[in-house]
Amino acid sequence: MPIDYTPAIAHLRAADAVLDRAIDAVGPCLLEPTGHRFATLADAIVSQQISIQAAAAIMRRLEAALG
């Protein structure tokens, strides 16, 4: 089931002119949860913070710990 990001995007555009321009430059949000939404969010956050290899290792450990 696709997520409607329209309300969130409208809020971000109204709240911050820099984000408004960034949204125009980057384009639409293509993030789609696959399975558990917390796992999708955690993966997005971890992947932005560190290298791909380290992020993959952390996600494997997190998934193993949480089941």
C-alpha atoms as a PDB file:
ATOM      1  CA  MET A   1       0.000   0.000   0.000  1.00  0.00           C
ATOM      2  CA  PRO A   2       1.625   3.257  -1.097  1.00  0.00           C
ATOM      3  CA  ILE A   3       2.000   6.028   1.448  1.00  0.00           C
ATOM      4  CA  ASP A   4       0.564   9.470   0.720  1.00  0.00           C
ATOM      5  CA  TYR A   5       3.361  11.891   1.594  1.00  0.00           C
ATOM      6  CA  THR A   6       1.333  14.940   0.453  1.00  0.00           C
ATOM      7  CA  PRO A   7       0.451  16.231   3.969  1.00  0.00           C
ATOM      8  CA  ALA A   8       4.019  15.809   5.226  1.00  0.00           C
ATOM      9  CA  ILE A   9       5.499  17.501   2.161  1.00  0.00           C
ATOM     10  CA  ALA A  10       3.030  20.399   2.460  1.00  0.00           C
ATOM     11  CA  HIS A  11       3.970  20.817   6.127  1.00  0.00           C
ATOM     12  CA  LEU A  12       7.709  20.793   5.405  1.00  0.00           C
ATOM     13  CA  ARG A  13       7.324  23.251   2.526  1.00  0.00           C
ATOM     14  CA  ALA A  14       5.327  25.648   4.705  1.00  0.00           C
ATOM     15  CA  ALA A  15       7.659  25.326   7.688  1.00  0.00           C
ATOM     16  CA  ASP A  16      10.996  25.871   5.963  1.00  0.00           C
ATOM     17  CA  ALA A  17      11.913  27.722   2.769  1.00  0.00           C
ATOM     18  CA  VAL A  18      15.175  25.778   2.453  1.00  0.00           C
ATOM     19  CA  LEU A  19      13.309  22.454   2.612  1.00  0.00           C
ATOM     20  CA  ASP A  20      10.816  23.809   0.094  1.00  0.00           C
ATOM     21  CA  ARG A  21      13.627  24.385  -2.410  1.00  0.00           C
ATOM     22  CA  ALA A  22      15.273  21.067  -1.521  1.00  0.00           C
ATOM     23  CA  ILE A  23      12.046  19.175  -2.175  1.00  0.00           C
ATOM     24  CA  ASP A  24      11.836  20.834  -5.598  1.00  0.00           C
ATOM     25  CA  ALA A  25      15.459  19.926  -6.349  1.00  0.00           C
ATOM     26  CA  VAL A  26      15.285  16.309  -5.125  1.00  0.00           C
ATOM     27  CA  GLY A  27      11.868  15.383  -6.426  1.00  0.00           C
ATOM     28  CA  PRO A  28       9.211  13.130  -4.958  1.00  0.00           C
ATOM     29  CA  CYS A  29       9.774  10.863  -1.992  1.00  0.00           C
ATOM     30  CA  LEU A  30      10.180   7.306  -3.246  1.00  0.00           C
ATOM     31  CA  LEU A  31      10.548   5.622   0.148  1.00  0.00           C
ATOM     32  CA  GLU A  32       8.174   2.688   0.352  1.00  0.00           C
ATOM     33  CA  PRO A  33       8.036   0.500   3.449  1.00  0.00           C
ATOM     34  CA  THR A  34       8.783  -3.142   2.833  1.00  0.00           C
ATOM     35  CA  GLY A  35       7.283  -5.136   5.638  1.00  0.00           C
ATOM     36  CA  HIS A  36       7.661  -3.580   9.051  1.00  0.00           C
ATOM     37  CA  ARG A  37       7.606   0.234   9.020  1.00  0.00           C
ATOM     38  CA  PHE A  38       9.974   0.551  11.986  1.00  0.00           C
ATOM     39  CA  ALA A  39      12.544  -1.535  10.123  1.00  0.00           C
ATOM     40  CA  THR A  40      12.201   0.713   7.067  1.00  0.00           C
ATOM     41  CA  LEU A  41      12.693   3.836   9.190  1.00  0.00           C
ATOM     42  CA  ALA A  42      15.652   2.353  11.072  1.00  0.00           C
ATOM     43  CA  ASP A  43      17.287   1.312   7.806  1.00  0.00           C
ATOM     44  CA  ALA A  44      16.866   4.803   6.329  1.00  0.00           C
ATOM     45  CA  ILE A  45      18.360   6.477   9.405  1.00  0.00           C
ATOM     46  CA  VAL A  46      21.283   4.078   9.771  1.00  0.00           C
ATOM     47  CA  SER A  47      22.091   4.216   6.048  1.00  0.00           C
ATOM     48  CA  GLN A  48      22.294   8.014   6.090  1.00  0.00           C
ATOM     49  CA  GLN A  49      24.707   8.086   8.983  1.00  0.00           C
ATOM     50  CA  ILE A  50      27.433   5.655   7.968  1.00  0.00           C
ATOM     51  CA  SER A  51      28.918   3.664   5.109  1.00  0.00           C
ATOM     52  CA  ILE A  52      26.781   1.144   3.264  1.00  0.00           C
ATOM     53  CA  GLN A  53      28.818  -1.795   4.556  1.00  0.00           C
ATOM     54  CA  ALA A  54      28.589  -0.657   8.190  1.00  0.00           C
ATOM     55  CA  ALA A  55      24.876   0.086   7.798  1.00  0.00           C
ATOM     56  CA  ALA A  56      24.242  -3.401   6.411  1.00  0.00           C
ATOM     57  CA  ALA A  57      26.099  -4.985   9.341  1.00  0.00           C
ATOM     58  CA  ILE A  58      24.163  -2.910  11.880  1.00  0.00           C
ATOM     59  CA  MET A  59      20.838  -3.757  10.230  1.00  0.00           C
ATOM     60  CA  ARG A  60      21.681  -7.488  10.281  1.00  0.00           C
ATOM     61  CA  ARG A  61      22.466  -7.261  14.007  1.00  0.00           C
ATOM     62  CA  LEU A  62      19.328  -5.219  14.713  1.00  0.00           C
ATOM     63  CA  GLU A  63      17.132  -7.649  12.772  1.00  0.00           C
ATOM     64  CA  ALA A  64      18.723 -10.606  14.584  1.00  0.00           C
ATOM     65  CA  ALA A  65      18.161  -8.975  17.972  1.00  0.00           C
ATOM     66  CA  LEU A  66      14.554  -7.958  17.262  1.00  0.00           C
ATOM     67  CA  GLY A  67      13.560 -11.060  15.381  1.00  0.00           C
END
